[in-house]
Amino acid sequence: MYGRNINFTLLAPSLWAVVEAIASNVEEDKYKRMLFKTGENSGFIIEIFDNISSAGKKIETMKALQGLGEQAMAKVSIQEGSAIKK
C-alpha cells in the first residue's frame, strides 16, 4: 500500500469550487481519494494506491493542486510514502 497526502491553503475560500472539481472523493478497486476541509480556506487530500507504480500513474490531482500553487492561488505541500509492513 502506498499513500499521498496533499495539504493546501487557498488564497480565497471561493477557490473551494475548483478544488472540489479537481479532487472529488473516489473509491475504486485499487485507488481511493478523499478530500477533507480543515478550515474556511484549507484542507487536505489523501490518496491511497495499491503500490508506488500505480501512484506514479495517477498524478492528475497532485499536478492540478501544484498548478494552483504555481499561480500563487494556494500553498501546497505533498508527502508520499509506503505503509509499514509487520
C-alpha atoms as a PDB file:
ATOM      1  CA  MET A   1       0.000   0.000   0.000  1.00  0.00           C
ATOM      2  CA  TYR A   2       1.236   3.484  -0.876  1.00  0.00           C
ATOM      3  CA  GLY A   3      -0.204   6.870   0.121  1.00  0.00           C
ATOM      4  CA  ARG A   4      -0.052  10.516  -0.855  1.00  0.00           C
ATOM      5  CA  ASN A   5      -1.110  13.440   1.343  1.00  0.00           C
ATOM      6  CA  ILE A   6      -1.654  16.832  -0.306  1.00  0.00           C
ATOM      7  CA  ASN A   7      -2.052  19.712   2.169  1.00  0.00           C
ATOM      8  CA  PHE A   8      -3.200  23.078   0.883  1.00  0.00           C
ATOM      9  CA  THR A   9      -4.208  26.568   1.929  1.00  0.00           C
ATOM     10  CA  LEU A  10      -6.180  28.528  -0.647  1.00  0.00           C
ATOM     11  CA  LEU A  11      -5.713  32.234  -1.285  1.00  0.00           C
ATOM     12  CA  ALA A  12      -9.506  32.672  -1.154  1.00  0.00           C
ATOM     13  CA  PRO A  13     -12.341  30.442   0.075  1.00  0.00           C
ATOM     14  CA  SER A  14     -14.029  30.872  -3.317  1.00  0.00           C
ATOM     15  CA  LEU A  15     -11.386  28.510  -4.774  1.00  0.00           C
ATOM     16  CA  TRP A  16     -13.045  25.587  -2.984  1.00  0.00           C
ATOM     17  CA  ALA A  17     -15.221  25.014  -6.038  1.00  0.00           C
ATOM     18  CA  VAL A  18     -12.064  24.441  -8.079  1.00  0.00           C
ATOM     19  CA  VAL A  19     -10.616  22.034  -5.502  1.00  0.00           C
ATOM     20  CA  GLU A  20     -13.887  20.094  -5.270  1.00  0.00           C
ATOM     21  CA  ALA A  21     -13.933  19.748  -9.067  1.00  0.00           C
ATOM     22  CA  ILE A  22     -10.315  18.540  -9.070  1.00  0.00           C
ATOM     23  CA  ALA A  23     -10.427  16.242  -6.056  1.00  0.00           C
ATOM     24  CA  SER A  24     -13.885  14.811  -5.524  1.00  0.00           C
ATOM     25  CA  ASN A  25     -13.975  11.616  -3.470  1.00  0.00           C
ATOM     26  CA  VAL A  26     -13.243   8.452  -5.462  1.00  0.00           C
ATOM     27  CA  GLU A  27     -13.326   4.808  -4.399  1.00  0.00           C
ATOM     28  CA  GLU A  28     -12.117   2.253  -6.927  1.00  0.00           C
ATOM     29  CA  ASP A  29     -10.688  -1.241  -6.613  1.00  0.00           C
ATOM     30  CA  LYS A  30      -7.030  -0.201  -6.139  1.00  0.00           C
ATOM     31  CA  TYR A  31      -7.360   3.570  -5.638  1.00  0.00           C
ATOM     32  CA  LYS A  32      -9.085   5.791  -3.105  1.00  0.00           C
ATOM     33  CA  ARG A  33      -9.141   9.604  -2.872  1.00  0.00           C
ATOM     34  CA  MET A  34     -10.692  11.629  -0.058  1.00  0.00           C
ATOM     35  CA  LEU A  35     -10.968  15.407   0.289  1.00  0.00           C
ATOM     36  CA  PHE A  36     -11.041  16.935   3.773  1.00  0.00           C
ATOM     37  CA  LYS A  37     -11.815  20.556   4.665  1.00  0.00           C
ATOM     38  CA  THR A  38      -9.977  21.762   7.786  1.00  0.00           C
ATOM     39  CA  GLY A  39     -10.854  25.453   7.614  1.00  0.00           C
ATOM     40  CA  GLU A  40     -12.537  28.092   5.511  1.00  0.00           C
ATOM     41  CA  ASN A  41      -9.676  28.053   3.003  1.00  0.00           C
ATOM     42  CA  SER A  42      -7.617  24.988   3.905  1.00  0.00           C
ATOM     43  CA  GLY A  43      -7.740  21.233   3.702  1.00  0.00           C
ATOM     44  CA  PHE A  44      -6.004  18.092   2.581  1.00  0.00           C
ATOM     45  CA  ILE A  45      -6.420  15.255   0.126  1.00  0.00           C
ATOM     46  CA  ILE A  46      -5.497  11.669   0.924  1.00  0.00           C
ATOM     47  CA  GLU A  47      -4.838   9.276  -1.943  1.00  0.00           C
ATOM     48  CA  ILE A  48      -4.327   5.546  -1.318  1.00  0.00           C
ATOM     49  CA  PHE A  49      -2.788   3.370  -4.031  1.00  0.00           C
ATOM     50  CA  ASP A  50      -2.114  -0.330  -4.392  1.00  0.00           C
ATOM     51  CA  ASN A  51       1.613   0.355  -4.919  1.00  0.00           C
ATOM     52  CA  ILE A  52       4.143   3.044  -5.843  1.00  0.00           C
ATOM     53  CA  SER A  53       3.863   2.200  -9.533  1.00  0.00           C
ATOM     54  CA  SER A  54       0.145   2.992  -9.642  1.00  0.00           C
ATOM     55  CA  ALA A  55       0.801   6.206  -7.672  1.00  0.00           C
ATOM     56  CA  GLY A  56       3.197   7.292 -10.407  1.00  0.00           C
ATOM     57  CA  LYS A  57       0.465   6.828 -12.992  1.00  0.00           C
ATOM     58  CA  LYS A  58      -2.216   8.801 -11.108  1.00  0.00           C
ATOM     59  CA  ILE A  59      -0.738  12.266 -10.708  1.00  0.00           C
ATOM     60  CA  GLU A  60      -3.586  14.426 -12.080  1.00  0.00           C
ATOM     61  CA  THR A  61      -4.795  15.611  -8.665  1.00  0.00           C
ATOM     62  CA  MET A  62      -1.272  16.403  -7.488  1.00  0.00           C
ATOM     63  CA  LYS A  63      -0.459  18.300 -10.699  1.00  0.00           C
ATOM     64  CA  ALA A  64      -3.688  20.324 -10.513  1.00  0.00           C
ATOM     65  CA  LEU A  65      -3.031  21.417  -6.922  1.00  0.00           C
ATOM     66  CA  GLN A  66       0.589  22.211  -7.728  1.00  0.00           C
ATOM     67  CA  GLY A  67      -0.734  24.339 -10.603  1.00  0.00           C
ATOM     68  CA  LEU A  68      -2.752  26.408  -8.114  1.00  0.00           C
ATOM     69  CA  GLY A  69       0.448  26.839  -6.107  1.00  0.00           C
ATOM     70  CA  GLU A  70       2.422  27.935  -9.159  1.00  0.00           C
ATOM     71  CA  GLN A  71      -0.230  30.550  -9.913  1.00  0.00           C
ATOM     72  CA  ALA A  72       0.045  31.844  -6.317  1.00  0.00           C
ATOM     73  CA  MET A  73      -3.553  30.788  -5.636  1.00  0.00           C
ATOM     74  CA  ALA A  74      -2.603  28.274  -2.942  1.00  0.00           C
ATOM     75  CA  LYS A  75       0.188  26.991  -0.748  1.00  0.00           C
ATOM     76  CA  VAL A  76       0.628  23.278  -1.361  1.00  0.00           C
ATOM     77  CA  SER A  77       2.751  20.597   0.282  1.00  0.00           C
ATOM     78  CA  ILE A  78       2.881  16.928  -0.654  1.00  0.00           C
ATOM     79  CA  GLN A  79       4.046  13.904   1.296  1.00  0.00           C
ATOM     80  CA  GLU A  80       4.201  10.334  -0.014  1.00  0.00           C
ATOM     81  CA  GLY A  81       5.144   7.014   1.493  1.00  0.00           C
ATOM     82  CA  SER A  82       4.644   3.309   1.836  1.00  0.00           C
ATOM     83  CA  ALA A  83       2.711   1.552   4.571  1.00  0.00           C
ATOM     84  CA  ILE A  84       4.893  -0.182   7.139  1.00  0.00           C
ATOM     85  CA  LYS A  85       4.529  -3.947   6.977  1.00  0.00           C
ATOM     86  CA  LYS A  86       4.987  -6.095  10.079  1.00  0.00           C
END
